[in-house]
C-alpha atoms as a PDB file:
ATOM      1  CA  MET A   1       6.859  15.142 -33.305  1.00  0.00           C
ATOM      2  CA  ASP A   2       6.229  18.720 -34.119  1.00  0.00           C
ATOM      3  CA  ASP A   3       6.506  18.320 -37.669  1.00  0.00           C
ATOM      4  CA  ILE A   4       4.238  15.258 -37.671  1.00  0.00           C
ATOM      5  CA  VAL A   5       1.637  16.916 -35.862  1.00  0.00           C
ATOM      6  CA  LYS A   6       1.852  20.228 -38.160  1.00  0.00           C
ATOM      7  CA  GLY A   7       1.650  17.688 -41.302  1.00  0.00           C
ATOM      8  CA  LEU A   8      -1.458  16.008 -39.601  1.00  0.00           C
ATOM      9  CA  GLU A   9      -2.943  19.494 -39.077  1.00  0.00           C
ATOM     10  CA  ASN A  10      -2.483  20.681 -42.401  1.00  0.00           C
ATOM     11  CA  LEU A  11      -4.202  17.252 -43.693  1.00  0.00           C
ATOM     12  CA  ASN A  12      -7.406  18.356 -41.947  1.00  0.00           C
ATOM     13  CA  ILE A  13      -7.822  14.615 -40.624  1.00  0.00           C
ATOM     14  CA  GLY A  14      -9.951  15.287 -37.500  1.00  0.00           C
ATOM     15  CA  HIS A  15      -9.262  15.643 -33.866  1.00  0.00           C
ATOM     16  CA  ILE A  16      -5.816  15.456 -32.746  1.00  0.00           C
ATOM     17  CA  GLU A  17      -4.756  14.689 -29.163  1.00  0.00           C
ATOM     18  CA  LYS A  18      -1.130  14.920 -27.906  1.00  0.00           C
ATOM     19  CA  ASP A  19       0.418  13.016 -25.132  1.00  0.00           C
ATOM     20  CA  ALA A  20      -2.838  11.718 -24.040  1.00  0.00           C
ATOM     21  CA  SER A  21      -3.146   9.398 -21.131  1.00  0.00           C
ATOM     22  CA  LEU A  22      -4.481   6.164 -22.059  1.00  0.00           C
ATOM     23  CA  VAL A  23      -6.080   6.015 -18.309  1.00  0.00           C
ATOM     24  CA  LYS A  24      -8.670   7.729 -20.284  1.00  0.00           C
ATOM     25  CA  TYR A  25      -9.219   5.502 -22.910  1.00  0.00           C
ATOM     26  CA  THR A  26      -8.930   1.888 -21.302  1.00  0.00           C
ATOM     27  CA  THR A  27     -11.530   0.105 -19.313  1.00  0.00           C
ATOM     28  CA  TYR A  28      -8.556  -0.943 -16.973  1.00  0.00           C
ATOM     29  CA  LYS A  29      -8.128   2.699 -16.457  1.00  0.00           C
ATOM     30  CA  SER A  30      -4.280   2.109 -16.741  1.00  0.00           C
ATOM     31  CA  GLY A  31      -1.297   2.666 -19.164  1.00  0.00           C
ATOM     32  CA  GLY A  32       1.036   5.266 -20.182  1.00  0.00           C
ATOM     33  CA  ILE A  33       0.841   8.096 -22.494  1.00  0.00           C
ATOM     34  CA  ALA A  34       0.073   7.868 -25.959  1.00  0.00           C
ATOM     35  CA  TRP A  35       2.316  10.217 -28.382  1.00  0.00           C
ATOM     36  CA  LEU A  36      -0.816  11.117 -30.715  1.00  0.00           C
ATOM     37  CA  ILE A  37      -4.367  10.136 -30.627  1.00  0.00           C
ATOM     38  CA  VAL A  38      -6.357  10.973 -33.795  1.00  0.00           C
ATOM     39  CA  SER A  39     -10.046  10.662 -34.495  1.00  0.00           C
ATOM     40  CA  PRO A  40     -11.069  11.022 -38.220  1.00  0.00           C
ATOM     41  CA  LYS A  41     -14.630  11.987 -38.706  1.00  0.00           C
ATOM     42  CA  ASN A  42     -15.127   9.988 -41.896  1.00  0.00           C
ATOM     43  CA  VAL A  43     -13.531   7.368 -44.410  1.00  0.00           C
ATOM     44  CA  GLU A  44     -11.814  10.158 -46.388  1.00  0.00           C
ATOM     45  CA  GLN A  45     -10.074  11.729 -43.319  1.00  0.00           C
ATOM     46  CA  LEU A  46      -9.032   8.023 -42.446  1.00  0.00           C
ATOM     47  CA  ILE A  47      -7.552   7.369 -45.869  1.00  0.00           C
ATOM     48  CA  LYS A  48      -5.515  10.530 -45.754  1.00  0.00           C
ATOM     49  CA  LEU A  49      -4.434   9.800 -42.356  1.00  0.00           C
ATOM     50  CA  MET A  50      -3.326   6.197 -43.153  1.00  0.00           C
ATOM     51  CA  ARG A  51      -1.737   7.230 -46.445  1.00  0.00           C
ATOM     52  CA  PHE A  52       0.478   9.712 -43.880  1.00  0.00           C
ATOM     53  CA  ILE A  53       0.967   7.180 -41.684  1.00  0.00           C
ATOM     54  CA  LYS A  54       2.599   4.575 -44.038  1.00  0.00           C
ATOM     55  CA  SER A  55       4.438   7.573 -45.874  1.00  0.00           C
ATOM     56  CA  LYS A  56       6.146   8.483 -42.595  1.00  0.00           C
ATOM     57  CA  ASN A  57       6.420   4.709 -41.274  1.00  0.00           C
ATOM     58  CA  ILE A  58       4.641   5.717 -38.208  1.00  0.00           C
ATOM     59  CA  LYS A  59       3.781   2.978 -35.642  1.00  0.00           C
ATOM     60  CA  TYR A  60      -0.202   2.748 -35.427  1.00  0.00           C
ATOM     61  CA  LYS A  61      -3.226   1.061 -33.910  1.00  0.00           C
ATOM     62  CA  ILE A  62      -6.853   1.137 -34.163  1.00  0.00           C
ATOM     63  CA  LEU A  63      -8.334   1.861 -30.661  1.00  0.00           C
ATOM     64  CA  GLY A  64     -12.059   1.222 -29.720  1.00  0.00           C
ATOM     65  CA  ASN A  65     -13.136   1.588 -26.311  1.00  0.00           C
ATOM     66  CA  GLY A  66     -10.160   0.040 -25.062  1.00  0.00           C
ATOM     67  CA  SER A  67     -12.046  -2.689 -23.196  1.00  0.00           C
ATOM     68  CA  ASN A  68      -9.686  -5.765 -24.220  1.00  0.00           C
ATOM     69  CA  LEU A  69      -6.393  -4.258 -23.912  1.00  0.00           C
ATOM     70  CA  LEU A  70      -3.690  -3.773 -21.550  1.00  0.00           C
ATOM     71  CA  PHE A  71      -1.027  -0.853 -22.442  1.00  0.00           C
ATOM     72  CA  SER A  72       2.251  -0.839 -20.640  1.00  0.00           C
ATOM     73  CA  GLY A  73       3.188   2.134 -18.670  1.00  0.00           C
ATOM     74  CA  LYS A  74       5.440   3.075 -21.458  1.00  0.00           C
ATOM     75  CA  LYS A  75       4.915   5.983 -23.664  1.00  0.00           C
ATOM     76  CA  TYR A  76       3.271   4.810 -26.769  1.00  0.00           C
ATOM     77  CA  GLU A  77       5.478   6.337 -29.599  1.00  0.00           C
ATOM     78  CA  GLY A  78       2.910   6.038 -32.385  1.00  0.00           C
ATOM     79  CA  ILE A  79      -0.397   7.132 -33.403  1.00  0.00           C
ATOM     80  CA  LEU A  80      -3.741   5.593 -32.088  1.00  0.00           C
ATOM     81  CA  ILE A  81      -6.538   5.979 -34.222  1.00  0.00           C
ATOM     82  CA  ARG A  82     -10.382   6.388 -32.731  1.00  0.00           C
ATOM     83  CA  LEU A  83     -13.091   5.724 -34.952  1.00  0.00           C
ATOM     84  CA  ASN A  84     -15.583   6.885 -32.451  1.00  0.00           C
ATOM     85  CA  GLU A  85     -16.907   9.419 -35.097  1.00  0.00           C
ATOM     86  CA  PHE A  86     -17.831   6.302 -37.347  1.00  0.00           C
ATOM     87  CA  ASN A  87     -21.187   5.936 -35.207  1.00  0.00           C
ATOM     88  CA  SER A  88     -24.180   6.021 -37.537  1.00  0.00           C
ATOM     89  CA  VAL A  89     -26.709   3.610 -37.665  1.00  0.00           C
ATOM     90  CA  GLU A  90     -29.416   2.725 -40.136  1.00  0.00           C
ATOM     91  CA  PHE A  91     -31.910   0.137 -40.465  1.00  0.00           C
ATOM     92  CA  LEU A  92     -31.696  -1.452 -44.136  1.00  0.00           C
ATOM     93  CA  SER A  93     -34.913  -3.574 -43.616  1.00  0.00           C
ATOM     94  CA  GLU A  94     -37.145  -4.570 -40.731  1.00  0.00           C
ATOM     95  CA  ASN A  95     -34.150  -6.919 -39.253  1.00  0.00           C
ATOM     96  CA  LYS A  96     -31.071  -5.592 -40.834  1.00  0.00           C
ATOM     97  CA  ILE A  97     -29.124  -2.951 -39.521  1.00  0.00           C
ATOM     98  CA  ARG A  98     -26.206  -0.995 -40.886  1.00  0.00           C
ATOM     99  CA  VAL A  99     -23.746   0.267 -38.313  1.00  0.00           C
ATOM    100  CA  GLY A 100     -20.598   2.379 -37.992  1.00  0.00           C
ATOM    101  CA  ALA A 101     -17.444   0.722 -36.600  1.00  0.00           C
ATOM    102  CA  GLY A 102     -17.371   3.057 -33.514  1.00  0.00           C
ATOM    103  CA  TYR A 103     -20.913   2.697 -32.513  1.00  0.00           C
ATOM    104  CA  SER A 104     -21.187   0.990 -29.107  1.00  0.00           C
ATOM    105  CA  LEU A 105     -21.837  -2.563 -28.892  1.00  0.00           C
ATOM    106  CA  MET A 106     -24.187  -2.503 -25.849  1.00  0.00           C
ATOM    107  CA  LYS A 107     -26.164   0.657 -27.165  1.00  0.00           C
ATOM    108  CA  LEU A 108     -26.535  -1.570 -30.367  1.00  0.00           C
ATOM    109  CA  SER A 109     -28.182  -4.511 -28.444  1.00  0.00           C
ATOM    110  CA  LEU A 110     -30.310  -2.134 -26.670  1.00  0.00           C
ATOM    111  CA  LEU A 111     -31.575  -0.540 -30.070  1.00  0.00           C
ATOM    112  CA  ALA A 112     -32.483  -3.966 -31.471  1.00  0.00           C
ATOM    113  CA  ALA A 113     -34.302  -4.972 -28.152  1.00  0.00           C
ATOM    114  CA  LYS A 114     -36.410  -1.990 -28.544  1.00  0.00           C
ATOM    115  CA  LYS A 115     -37.260  -3.027 -32.179  1.00  0.00           C
ATOM    116  CA  GLY A 116     -38.274  -6.434 -30.971  1.00  0.00           C
ATOM    117  CA  LEU A 117     -35.106  -7.922 -32.897  1.00  0.00           C
ATOM    118  CA  THR A 118     -33.414 -10.966 -31.237  1.00  0.00           C
ATOM    119  CA  GLY A 119     -29.940 -12.281 -31.757  1.00  0.00           C
ATOM    120  CA  LEU A 120     -27.815  -9.627 -30.160  1.00  0.00           C
ATOM    121  CA  GLU A 121     -28.847 -10.112 -26.526  1.00  0.00           C
ATOM    122  CA  PHE A 122     -25.389 -11.840 -25.777  1.00  0.00           C
ATOM    123  CA  ALA A 123     -23.813  -8.338 -26.457  1.00  0.00           C
ATOM    124  CA  ALA A 124     -25.827  -6.161 -23.529  1.00  0.00           C
ATOM    125  CA  GLY A 125     -22.939  -6.618 -21.224  1.00  0.00           C
ATOM    126  CA  ILE A 126     -19.955  -6.092 -23.855  1.00  0.00           C
ATOM    127  CA  PRO A 127     -18.760  -2.519 -23.226  1.00  0.00           C
ATOM    128  CA  GLY A 128     -16.712  -2.409 -26.602  1.00  0.00           C
ATOM    129  CA  THR A 129     -17.388  -1.051 -30.028  1.00  0.00           C
ATOM    130  CA  VAL A 130     -19.149  -2.878 -32.902  1.00  0.00           C
ATOM    131  CA  GLY A 131     -15.538  -2.507 -34.803  1.00  0.00           C
ATOM    132  CA  GLY A 132     -13.822  -3.979 -31.790  1.00  0.00           C
ATOM    133  CA  GLY A 133     -16.424  -6.661 -31.517  1.00  0.00           C
ATOM    134  CA  VAL A 134     -15.998  -8.088 -35.054  1.00  0.00           C
ATOM    135  CA  TYR A 135     -12.287  -7.956 -34.656  1.00  0.00           C
ATOM    136  CA  MET A 136     -12.011 -10.209 -31.615  1.00  0.00           C
ATOM    137  CA  ASN A 137     -15.490 -12.056 -32.550  1.00  0.00           C
ATOM    138  CA  ALA A 138     -17.083 -10.696 -29.149  1.00  0.00           C
ATOM    139  CA  GLY A 139     -19.348 -13.103 -27.772  1.00  0.00           C
ATOM    140  CA  ALA A 140     -21.050 -14.479 -24.476  1.00  0.00           C
ATOM    141  CA  TYR A 141     -23.729 -16.956 -23.451  1.00  0.00           C
ATOM    142  CA  LYS A 142     -22.701 -19.484 -26.305  1.00  0.00           C
ATOM    143  CA  SER A 143     -23.035 -16.813 -29.016  1.00  0.00           C
ATOM    144  CA  ASP A 144     -20.930 -14.322 -30.913  1.00  0.00           C
ATOM    145  CA  MET A 145     -20.723 -11.678 -33.364  1.00  0.00           C
ATOM    146  CA  GLY A 146     -20.063 -14.620 -36.213  1.00  0.00           C
ATOM    147  CA  TYR A 147     -23.798 -15.641 -35.799  1.00  0.00           C
ATOM    148  CA  VAL A 148     -25.267 -12.160 -36.609  1.00  0.00           C
ATOM    149  CA  VAL A 149     -22.767 -10.344 -39.047  1.00  0.00           C
ATOM    150  CA  GLN A 150     -23.835 -10.476 -42.650  1.00  0.00           C
ATOM    151  CA  ASN A 151     -21.160  -8.507 -44.015  1.00  0.00           C
ATOM    152  CA  VAL A 152     -18.308  -6.329 -43.119  1.00  0.00           C
ATOM    153  CA  LYS A 153     -17.059  -3.032 -45.113  1.00  0.00           C
ATOM    154  CA  VAL A 154     -13.308  -2.771 -44.613  1.00  0.00           C
ATOM    155  CA  LEU A 155     -10.357  -0.413 -45.706  1.00  0.00           C
ATOM    156  CA  THR A 156      -7.454  -2.717 -47.109  1.00  0.00           C
ATOM    157  CA  PRO A 157      -3.658  -1.787 -46.810  1.00  0.00           C
ATOM    158  CA  ASP A 158      -3.908  -0.635 -50.308  1.00  0.00           C
ATOM    159  CA  PHE A 159      -6.527   1.974 -49.597  1.00  0.00           C
ATOM    160  CA  GLU A 160      -9.376   0.016 -51.234  1.00  0.00           C
ATOM    161  CA  ILE A 161     -12.747  -0.228 -49.773  1.00  0.00           C
ATOM    162  CA  ILE A 162     -14.300  -3.652 -50.031  1.00  0.00           C
ATOM    163  CA  THR A 163     -16.881  -5.588 -48.490  1.00  0.00           C
ATOM    164  CA  LEU A 164     -16.147  -9.161 -46.883  1.00  0.00           C
ATOM    165  CA  GLU A 165     -19.181 -11.511 -46.442  1.00  0.00           C
ATOM    166  CA  ASN A 166     -19.699 -13.466 -43.431  1.00  0.00           C
ATOM    167  CA  ARG A 167     -17.971 -16.699 -44.530  1.00  0.00           C
ATOM    168  CA  GLU A 168     -14.948 -14.785 -45.485  1.00  0.00           C
ATOM    169  CA  MET A 169     -14.416 -13.069 -42.282  1.00  0.00           C
ATOM    170  CA  ASN A 170     -13.294 -16.440 -40.801  1.00  0.00           C
ATOM    171  CA  PHE A 171     -15.259 -16.332 -37.417  1.00  0.00           C
ATOM    172  CA  HIS A 172     -13.977 -18.726 -34.819  1.00  0.00           C
ATOM    173  CA  TYR A 173     -13.911 -18.489 -31.233  1.00  0.00           C
ATOM    174  CA  ARG A 174     -12.707 -15.000 -30.181  1.00  0.00           C
ATOM    175  CA  SER A 175     -10.986 -14.422 -33.551  1.00  0.00           C
ATOM    176  CA  SER A 176     -11.724 -13.268 -37.045  1.00  0.00           C
ATOM    177  CA  PHE A 177     -10.127 -12.558 -40.360  1.00  0.00           C
ATOM    178  CA  LEU A 178      -9.117  -8.916 -38.975  1.00  0.00           C
ATOM    179  CA  GLN A 179      -6.958 -10.408 -36.085  1.00  0.00           C
ATOM    180  CA  SER A 180      -4.898 -12.359 -38.591  1.00  0.00           C
ATOM    181  CA  HIS A 181      -5.136  -9.274 -40.841  1.00  0.00           C
ATOM    182  CA  PRO A 182      -4.476  -6.358 -38.680  1.00  0.00           C
ATOM    183  CA  ASN A 183      -3.960  -3.972 -41.418  1.00  0.00           C
ATOM    184  CA  TYR A 184      -7.514  -4.119 -42.837  1.00  0.00           C
ATOM    185  CA  ILE A 185      -9.674  -1.628 -40.738  1.00  0.00           C
ATOM    186  CA  CYS A 186     -13.330  -2.470 -39.984  1.00  0.00           C
ATOM    187  CA  LEU A 187     -15.610   0.755 -41.164  1.00  0.00           C
ATOM    188  CA  GLU A 188     -19.083  -0.611 -40.936  1.00  0.00           C
ATOM    189  CA  VAL A 189     -20.969  -3.795 -40.420  1.00  0.00           C
ATOM    190  CA  VAL A 190     -24.494  -5.098 -41.412  1.00  0.00           C
ATOM    191  CA  ILE A 191     -26.036  -6.892 -38.727  1.00  0.00           C
ATOM    192  CA  ARG A 192     -28.832  -9.581 -39.468  1.00  0.00           C
ATOM    193  CA  LEU A 193     -31.176 -10.343 -36.826  1.00  0.00           C
ATOM    194  CA  ASN A 194     -34.739 -12.260 -36.300  1.00  0.00           C
ATOM    195  CA  LYS A 195     -37.769 -10.891 -35.520  1.00  0.00           C
ATOM    196  CA  GLY A 196     -38.631 -12.050 -31.729  1.00  0.00           C
ATOM    197  CA  ASN A 197     -40.990 -11.359 -28.943  1.00  0.00           C
ATOM    198  CA  LYS A 198     -40.062  -7.743 -27.406  1.00  0.00           C
ATOM    199  CA  ASN A 199     -41.101  -8.814 -23.829  1.00  0.00           C
ATOM    200  CA  ALA A 200     -39.490 -11.976 -23.905  1.00  0.00           C
ATOM    201  CA  ILE A 201     -36.290 -10.262 -25.052  1.00  0.00           C
ATOM    202  CA  ASP A 202     -36.298  -7.695 -22.491  1.00  0.00           C
ATOM    203  CA  GLU A 203     -36.943 -10.408 -19.689  1.00  0.00           C
ATOM    204  CA  VAL A 204     -33.799 -12.225 -20.875  1.00  0.00           C
ATOM    205  CA  MET A 205     -31.630  -8.841 -20.879  1.00  0.00           C
ATOM    206  CA  ARG A 206     -32.945  -7.976 -17.416  1.00  0.00           C
ATOM    207  CA  GLU A 207     -32.304 -11.469 -16.184  1.00  0.00           C
ATOM    208  CA  ARG A 208     -28.822 -11.399 -17.438  1.00  0.00           C
ATOM    209  CA  ARG A 209     -28.239  -8.039 -16.289  1.00  0.00           C
ATOM    210  CA  LYS A 210     -29.282  -8.921 -12.658  1.00  0.00           C
ATOM    211  CA  ARG A 211     -26.635 -12.056 -13.089  1.00  0.00           C
ATOM    212  CA  ARG A 212     -23.979  -9.827 -14.118  1.00  0.00           C
ATOM    213  CA  TYR A 213     -24.550  -7.540 -11.081  1.00  0.00           C
ATOM    214  CA  GLU A 214     -24.497 -10.267  -8.700  1.00  0.00           C
ATOM    215  CA  SER A 215     -21.708 -12.199 -10.260  1.00  0.00           C
ATOM    216  CA  GLN A 216     -19.194  -9.703 -11.665  1.00  0.00           C
ATOM    217  CA  PRO A 217     -17.329  -6.984  -9.904  1.00  0.00           C
ATOM    218  CA  LEU A 218     -18.703  -4.251 -12.278  1.00  0.00           C
ATOM    219  CA  GLU A 219     -17.968  -1.391  -9.382  1.00  0.00           C
ATOM    220  CA  TYR A 220     -14.137  -1.553 -10.259  1.00  0.00           C
ATOM    221  CA  PRO A 221     -12.633  -0.838 -13.738  1.00  0.00           C
ATOM    222  CA  SER A 222     -11.483  -4.158 -15.295  1.00  0.00           C
ATOM    223  CA  ALA A 223     -11.347  -5.721 -19.079  1.00  0.00           C
ATOM    224  CA  GLY A 224     -14.006  -8.383 -18.273  1.00  0.00           C
ATOM    225  CA  SER A 225     -12.814 -12.287 -18.112  1.00  0.00           C
ATOM    226  CA  VAL A 226      -9.016 -12.493 -18.269  1.00  0.00           C
ATOM    227  CA  PHE A 227      -8.577 -15.904 -19.312  1.00  0.00           C
ATOM    228  CA  ARG A 228     -10.764 -18.097 -21.919  1.00  0.00           C
ATOM    229  CA  ASN A 229     -12.474 -21.213 -20.096  1.00  0.00           C
ATOM    230  CA  PRO A 230     -10.359 -24.235 -20.891  1.00  0.00           C
ATOM    231  CA  GLU A 231     -12.342 -27.139 -22.590  1.00  0.00           C
ATOM    232  CA  GLY A 232     -14.642 -28.622 -20.163  1.00  0.00           C
ATOM    233  CA  MET A 233     -13.506 -26.264 -17.418  1.00  0.00           C
ATOM    234  CA  PHE A 234     -14.254 -22.817 -15.946  1.00  0.00           C
ATOM    235  CA  ALA A 235     -11.092 -20.568 -15.283  1.00  0.00           C
ATOM    236  CA  GLY A 236     -12.621 -19.074 -12.700  1.00  0.00           C
ATOM    237  CA  LYS A 237     -13.115 -22.292 -10.583  1.00  0.00           C
ATOM    238  CA  LEU A 238      -9.360 -23.164 -11.399  1.00  0.00           C
ATOM    239  CA  ILE A 239      -8.158 -19.799  -9.844  1.00  0.00           C
ATOM    240  CA  GLU A 240     -10.694 -19.896  -7.046  1.00  0.00           C
ATOM    241  CA  ASP A 241      -9.710 -23.337  -6.042  1.00  0.00           C
ATOM    242  CA  LEU A 242      -6.021 -22.200  -5.974  1.00  0.00           C
ATOM    243  CA  GLY A 243      -7.025 -19.767  -3.362  1.00  0.00           C
ATOM    244  CA  LEU A 244      -6.102 -16.744  -5.248  1.00  0.00           C
ATOM    245  CA  LYS A 245      -9.278 -14.802  -4.889  1.00  0.00           C
ATOM    246  CA  GLY A 246      -8.357 -11.490  -3.058  1.00  0.00           C
ATOM    247  CA  MET A 247      -4.910 -11.819  -4.229  1.00  0.00           C
ATOM    248  CA  LYS A 248      -3.410  -8.200  -4.526  1.00  0.00           C
ATOM    249  CA  LYS A 249      -0.265  -6.496  -6.217  1.00  0.00           C
ATOM    250  CA  GLY A 250      -0.096  -2.818  -5.699  1.00  0.00           C
ATOM    251  CA  GLY A 251      -3.504  -1.449  -6.762  1.00  0.00           C
ATOM    252  CA  ALA A 252      -4.355  -4.548  -8.790  1.00  0.00           C
ATOM    253  CA  MET A 253      -6.688  -7.493  -7.523  1.00  0.00           C
ATOM    254  CA  VAL A 254      -7.976 -10.874  -8.338  1.00  0.00           C
ATOM    255  CA  SER A 255     -11.576 -10.055  -7.896  1.00  0.00           C
ATOM    256  CA  GLU A 256     -13.103 -11.594  -4.557  1.00  0.00           C
ATOM    257  CA  LYS A 257     -16.545 -11.873  -6.597  1.00  0.00           C
ATOM    258  CA  HIS A 258     -15.245 -13.450  -9.645  1.00  0.00           C
ATOM    259  CA  ALA A 259     -11.701 -14.978  -9.716  1.00  0.00           C
ATOM    260  CA  ASN A 260     -11.531 -14.681 -13.401  1.00  0.00           C
ATOM    261  CA  PHE A 261     -11.522 -10.845 -13.299  1.00  0.00           C
ATOM    262  CA  ILE A 262      -8.838  -8.970 -12.334  1.00  0.00           C
ATOM    263  CA  VAL A 263      -9.815  -5.463 -11.101  1.00  0.00           C
ATOM    264  CA  ASN A 264      -8.011  -2.199 -10.711  1.00  0.00           C
ATOM    265  CA  TYR A 265      -9.275  -1.260  -7.224  1.00  0.00           C
ATOM    266  CA  LYS A 266      -7.000   1.384  -6.233  1.00  0.00           C
ATOM    267  CA  HIS A 267      -4.914   3.280  -9.016  1.00  0.00           C
ATOM    268  CA  ALA A 268      -3.230  -0.046 -10.127  1.00  0.00           C
ATOM    269  CA  SER A 269      -0.340   0.503 -12.839  1.00  0.00           C
ATOM    270  CA  SER A 270      -0.228  -1.928 -15.780  1.00  0.00           C
ATOM    271  CA  ASP A 271       2.609  -3.630 -14.183  1.00  0.00           C
ATOM    272  CA  ASP A 272       0.375  -4.324 -11.383  1.00  0.00           C
ATOM    273  CA  ILE A 273      -2.437  -5.830 -13.681  1.00  0.00           C
ATOM    274  CA  LYS A 274       0.235  -7.846 -15.726  1.00  0.00           C
ATOM    275  CA  TYR A 275       1.945  -9.332 -12.657  1.00  0.00           C
ATOM    276  CA  LEU A 276      -1.161 -10.763 -11.671  1.00  0.00           C
ATOM    277  CA  ILE A 277      -2.257 -11.881 -15.063  1.00  0.00           C
ATOM    278  CA  ASP A 278       1.229 -13.738 -15.451  1.00  0.00           C
ATOM    279  CA  TYR A 279       1.093 -14.953 -11.863  1.00  0.00           C
ATOM    280  CA  VAL A 280      -2.544 -16.669 -12.124  1.00  0.00           C
ATOM    281  CA  HIS A 281      -1.562 -18.227 -15.362  1.00  0.00           C
ATOM    282  CA  ASP A 282       1.598 -19.913 -14.284  1.00  0.00           C
ATOM    283  CA  ALA A 283       0.054 -20.929 -10.835  1.00  0.00           C
ATOM    284  CA  VAL A 284      -2.633 -22.764 -12.927  1.00  0.00           C
ATOM    285  CA  LEU A 285      -0.364 -24.240 -15.153  1.00  0.00           C
ATOM    286  CA  GLU A 286       1.942 -25.495 -12.472  1.00  0.00           C
ATOM    287  CA  LYS A 287      -0.696 -27.088 -10.571  1.00  0.00           C
ATOM    288  CA  TYR A 288      -3.343 -28.326 -13.223  1.00  0.00           C
ATOM    289  CA  ASN A 289      -1.209 -28.380 -16.269  1.00  0.00           C
ATOM    290  CA  VAL A 290      -3.769 -26.025 -17.857  1.00  0.00           C
ATOM    291  CA  ASP A 291      -2.318 -23.525 -20.098  1.00  0.00           C
ATOM    292  CA  MET A 292      -5.049 -20.993 -20.062  1.00  0.00           C
ATOM    293  CA  LYS A 293      -5.304 -18.768 -22.917  1.00  0.00           C
ATOM    294  CA  ILE A 294      -5.265 -14.973 -21.978  1.00  0.00           C
ATOM    295  CA  GLU A 295      -8.400 -12.891 -23.566  1.00  0.00           C
ATOM    296  CA  GLN A 296      -6.554  -9.551 -23.169  1.00  0.00           C
ATOM    297  CA  GLU A 297      -4.126  -8.004 -25.865  1.00  0.00           C
ATOM    298  CA  PHE A 298      -1.094  -6.797 -24.185  1.00  0.00           C
ATOM    299  CA  VAL A 299       0.164  -3.606 -26.003  1.00  0.00           C
ATOM    300  CA  ASN A 300       3.467  -1.541 -26.263  1.00  0.00           C
ATOM    301  CA  TRP A 301       5.108  -4.217 -23.787  1.00  0.00           C
ATOM    302  CA  GLU A 302       8.205  -5.156 -26.179  1.00  0.00           C
END
């Protein structure tokens, strides 16, 4: 490990954190230790980092805000790459925004609203980065990133920088080109919105914020909805009807406020959280013969 760290330091590729606790880097506030977390400051440093990683055959993963991930409690013996320094934002015209992959999706939604632009209201409650949002085609309220993304600048596995248009991104419900091509890295995105009525936009966002506080357990760490809603059904209702609200395992709990949330209410381990996810999934499958799709990505469980 010392040789790897020394090699990275010699390359001058940004901030390097050794033996980092993933509790700090995930919204579940759980997980083990990451061998290295590296935060390059620009594309040139990222390319140098990726060349080094591939030359040494080191395991790696891009880490945004950790808002849709459940890391195991084991040590992640590789490099996690944070693009939090890729946070530039620029208005290309009155309704087009070029924004870095590391920029907060919630902040971008608020910025758009402030400018009287409509189309990103759905993202006001999504605690991820723009890059993470594009990767998973994040959405809510019957809208998602696929509706607002014009194009995406990516780094290819061959270290080329190319631009993918919306149609090439293959956006579908909670999926995109980047999920099926994980060796491509989102660098920046052009968002296209529409001019709207600022007061109306503010009212929509206020109403949705109120609804979130009333219906979601925002007082505890979580990763949002655990399961996708099955066709014509609501995952939360299926779970609630089984009487699983409030079920606990260690420090994890099926939320008493919204059954499709699993919360870390008391220093839960990743094993606690995963146990509840698996238990709820299997209980619904057994009772209703509904195979609910898990929204969260499990990392380092193999």
